N, C-alpha and C. Protein backbone atom coordinates (compact mmCIF):
# COMPACT_ATOMS: atom_id res chain seq x y z
N MET A 1 0.27 2.23 11.42
CA MET A 1 0.30 3.67 11.46
C MET A 1 -1.13 4.16 11.64
N VAL A 2 -1.28 5.27 12.32
CA VAL A 2 -2.58 5.92 12.45
C VAL A 2 -2.54 7.18 11.60
N LEU A 3 -3.50 7.29 10.67
CA LEU A 3 -3.54 8.40 9.73
C LEU A 3 -4.90 9.08 9.78
N ARG A 4 -4.92 10.35 9.49
CA ARG A 4 -6.19 11.05 9.38
C ARG A 4 -6.80 10.76 8.02
N ASP A 5 -8.08 10.42 7.99
CA ASP A 5 -8.80 10.14 6.75
C ASP A 5 -8.93 11.44 5.97
N VAL A 6 -8.45 11.46 4.72
CA VAL A 6 -8.50 12.67 3.91
C VAL A 6 -9.93 13.08 3.58
N GLY A 7 -10.88 12.15 3.72
CA GLY A 7 -12.28 12.46 3.43
C GLY A 7 -13.05 12.94 4.64
N SER A 8 -12.38 13.06 5.79
CA SER A 8 -13.07 13.45 7.02
C SER A 8 -12.10 14.18 7.94
N ASP A 9 -12.61 15.16 8.66
CA ASP A 9 -11.76 15.88 9.62
C ASP A 9 -11.58 15.10 10.92
N ASP A 10 -12.49 14.18 11.22
CA ASP A 10 -12.47 13.50 12.52
C ASP A 10 -12.04 12.04 12.48
N ASP A 11 -12.20 11.36 11.36
CA ASP A 11 -11.93 9.92 11.30
C ASP A 11 -10.44 9.62 11.19
N LEU A 12 -10.03 8.59 11.91
CA LEU A 12 -8.65 8.11 11.85
C LEU A 12 -8.65 6.72 11.23
N LEU A 13 -7.58 6.39 10.51
CA LEU A 13 -7.43 5.10 9.86
C LEU A 13 -6.19 4.41 10.42
N ILE A 14 -6.22 3.09 10.51
CA ILE A 14 -5.05 2.32 10.92
C ILE A 14 -4.58 1.54 9.70
N LYS A 15 -3.33 1.74 9.33
CA LYS A 15 -2.74 1.10 8.15
C LYS A 15 -1.37 0.54 8.48
N ARG A 16 -0.90 -0.37 7.64
CA ARG A 16 0.42 -0.98 7.80
C ARG A 16 1.37 -0.34 6.79
N ALA A 17 2.55 0.10 7.25
CA ALA A 17 3.57 0.65 6.36
C ALA A 17 4.20 -0.49 5.57
N ILE A 18 4.16 -0.41 4.25
CA ILE A 18 4.69 -1.46 3.38
C ILE A 18 6.02 -1.03 2.75
N ALA A 19 6.14 0.25 2.39
CA ALA A 19 7.37 0.74 1.75
C ALA A 19 7.58 2.20 2.15
N ILE A 20 8.85 2.60 2.18
CA ILE A 20 9.19 3.98 2.55
C ILE A 20 9.89 4.65 1.37
N ALA A 21 10.19 5.94 1.54
CA ALA A 21 10.83 6.73 0.48
C ALA A 21 12.06 6.00 -0.07
N GLY A 22 12.15 5.95 -1.40
CA GLY A 22 13.27 5.31 -2.06
C GLY A 22 13.04 3.85 -2.40
N ASP A 23 12.02 3.23 -1.81
CA ASP A 23 11.70 1.84 -2.12
C ASP A 23 10.98 1.74 -3.45
N LYS A 24 11.21 0.63 -4.15
CA LYS A 24 10.48 0.32 -5.38
C LYS A 24 9.40 -0.69 -5.02
N ILE A 25 8.18 -0.41 -5.41
CA ILE A 25 7.07 -1.32 -5.13
C ILE A 25 6.46 -1.78 -6.44
N THR A 26 6.19 -3.08 -6.52
CA THR A 26 5.56 -3.67 -7.69
C THR A 26 4.32 -4.42 -7.23
N VAL A 27 3.18 -4.09 -7.82
CA VAL A 27 1.91 -4.70 -7.46
C VAL A 27 1.36 -5.41 -8.68
N GLY A 28 0.95 -6.65 -8.52
CA GLY A 28 0.36 -7.42 -9.61
C GLY A 28 0.35 -8.90 -9.31
N ASP A 29 -0.46 -9.64 -10.02
CA ASP A 29 -0.56 -11.10 -9.83
C ASP A 29 -0.81 -11.47 -8.37
N ASN A 30 -1.67 -10.68 -7.71
CA ASN A 30 -2.04 -10.91 -6.30
C ASN A 30 -0.85 -10.92 -5.35
N GLU A 31 0.19 -10.17 -5.68
CA GLU A 31 1.31 -10.03 -4.75
C GLU A 31 1.88 -8.63 -4.82
N ILE A 32 2.57 -8.27 -3.76
CA ILE A 32 3.21 -6.97 -3.65
C ILE A 32 4.68 -7.24 -3.35
N VAL A 33 5.57 -6.71 -4.17
CA VAL A 33 7.00 -6.94 -4.02
C VAL A 33 7.66 -5.59 -3.75
N VAL A 34 8.48 -5.55 -2.70
CA VAL A 34 9.20 -4.33 -2.34
C VAL A 34 10.68 -4.56 -2.58
N ASN A 35 11.27 -3.68 -3.39
CA ASN A 35 12.71 -3.75 -3.71
C ASN A 35 13.11 -5.11 -4.27
N ASP A 36 12.24 -5.70 -5.07
CA ASP A 36 12.49 -6.98 -5.73
C ASP A 36 12.80 -8.11 -4.74
N GLN A 37 12.42 -7.96 -3.46
CA GLN A 37 12.75 -8.98 -2.47
C GLN A 37 11.54 -9.39 -1.63
N GLU A 38 11.06 -8.47 -0.83
CA GLU A 38 10.01 -8.82 0.12
C GLU A 38 8.68 -9.00 -0.59
N GLU A 39 7.99 -10.04 -0.26
CA GLU A 39 6.74 -10.35 -0.92
C GLU A 39 5.60 -10.37 0.08
N TYR A 40 4.51 -9.76 -0.29
CA TYR A 40 3.28 -9.78 0.50
C TYR A 40 2.19 -10.35 -0.39
N GLU A 41 1.48 -11.33 0.10
CA GLU A 41 0.38 -11.87 -0.69
C GLU A 41 -0.80 -10.93 -0.57
N SER A 42 -1.31 -10.51 -1.69
CA SER A 42 -2.44 -9.59 -1.72
C SER A 42 -3.74 -10.37 -1.69
N THR A 43 -4.71 -9.86 -0.95
CA THR A 43 -6.05 -10.47 -0.93
C THR A 43 -6.99 -9.69 -1.83
N ASN A 44 -6.46 -8.68 -2.50
CA ASN A 44 -7.28 -7.86 -3.39
C ASN A 44 -7.33 -8.50 -4.76
N HIS A 45 -8.46 -9.09 -5.10
CA HIS A 45 -8.60 -9.75 -6.39
C HIS A 45 -9.30 -8.85 -7.40
N ARG A 46 -9.38 -7.55 -7.08
CA ARG A 46 -10.04 -6.60 -7.98
C ARG A 46 -9.05 -5.78 -8.79
N GLU A 47 -7.76 -6.10 -8.72
CA GLU A 47 -6.75 -5.34 -9.46
C GLU A 47 -7.05 -5.39 -10.95
N SER A 48 -7.07 -4.24 -11.59
CA SER A 48 -7.31 -4.22 -13.03
C SER A 48 -6.02 -4.51 -13.80
N GLU A 49 -4.92 -3.96 -13.36
CA GLU A 49 -3.62 -4.25 -13.97
C GLU A 49 -2.54 -3.88 -12.97
N GLY A 50 -1.40 -4.52 -13.10
CA GLY A 50 -0.31 -4.27 -12.18
C GLY A 50 0.39 -2.95 -12.44
N TYR A 51 1.21 -2.55 -11.50
CA TYR A 51 1.99 -1.33 -11.67
C TYR A 51 3.25 -1.41 -10.82
N SER A 52 4.18 -0.55 -11.14
CA SER A 52 5.43 -0.44 -10.42
C SER A 52 5.68 1.03 -10.15
N ALA A 53 6.23 1.35 -8.98
CA ALA A 53 6.46 2.76 -8.65
C ALA A 53 7.63 2.87 -7.67
N LEU A 54 8.30 3.99 -7.74
CA LEU A 54 9.34 4.34 -6.78
C LEU A 54 8.68 5.29 -5.77
N ILE A 55 8.77 4.96 -4.50
CA ILE A 55 8.13 5.80 -3.48
C ILE A 55 8.93 7.10 -3.35
N PRO A 56 8.27 8.25 -3.56
CA PRO A 56 8.99 9.54 -3.53
C PRO A 56 9.46 9.92 -2.12
N ASP A 57 10.39 10.86 -2.07
CA ASP A 57 10.85 11.40 -0.78
C ASP A 57 9.65 11.90 0.02
N ASP A 58 9.72 11.76 1.32
CA ASP A 58 8.68 12.22 2.25
C ASP A 58 7.35 11.51 2.05
N HIS A 59 7.35 10.29 1.49
CA HIS A 59 6.12 9.51 1.32
C HIS A 59 6.31 8.11 1.90
N ILE A 60 5.20 7.50 2.26
CA ILE A 60 5.16 6.12 2.74
C ILE A 60 4.00 5.43 2.04
N PHE A 61 4.20 4.19 1.58
CA PHE A 61 3.14 3.40 0.96
C PHE A 61 2.52 2.57 2.07
N VAL A 62 1.23 2.76 2.30
CA VAL A 62 0.53 2.03 3.36
C VAL A 62 -0.60 1.21 2.78
N MET A 63 -1.00 0.16 3.52
CA MET A 63 -2.11 -0.69 3.11
C MET A 63 -2.91 -1.06 4.36
N GLY A 64 -4.20 -1.29 4.15
CA GLY A 64 -5.04 -1.82 5.21
C GLY A 64 -4.93 -3.34 5.24
N ASP A 65 -5.12 -3.95 6.40
CA ASP A 65 -5.04 -5.39 6.50
C ASP A 65 -6.19 -6.08 5.78
N ASN A 66 -7.34 -5.43 5.71
CA ASN A 66 -8.49 -5.98 5.02
C ASN A 66 -8.60 -5.28 3.67
N GLU A 67 -7.83 -5.73 2.70
CA GLU A 67 -7.72 -5.03 1.41
C GLU A 67 -9.04 -4.91 0.66
N GLN A 68 -9.92 -5.86 0.82
CA GLN A 68 -11.19 -5.82 0.10
C GLN A 68 -12.03 -4.61 0.52
N HIS A 69 -11.80 -4.09 1.72
CA HIS A 69 -12.59 -2.97 2.23
C HIS A 69 -11.70 -1.80 2.69
N SER A 70 -10.56 -1.67 2.05
CA SER A 70 -9.61 -0.62 2.42
C SER A 70 -9.28 0.22 1.20
N PHE A 71 -9.17 1.51 1.40
CA PHE A 71 -8.79 2.39 0.30
C PHE A 71 -7.98 3.54 0.82
C-alpha cells in the first residue's frame, strides 16, 4: 500500500497490509498472528511486550518490510 506520511505533507510510505477491519492481531514473541491462524515472523527484536487487538471498522494494520527502520 502507498500511504501519506502523517509527519509530512509530501512524503509517501510503502507498507504491506497485514490485517483488515474485523481481524484479530496478536503481536509478541517475535511473531505476528492474524485471526489465530496466519503467522508472520517479526524481525523487530525491540518489542517491549506483546499485545492483542481487534482491527476497528475502516482501519487496516500495515507494516514495513524493514521493521527495524519502520514506524
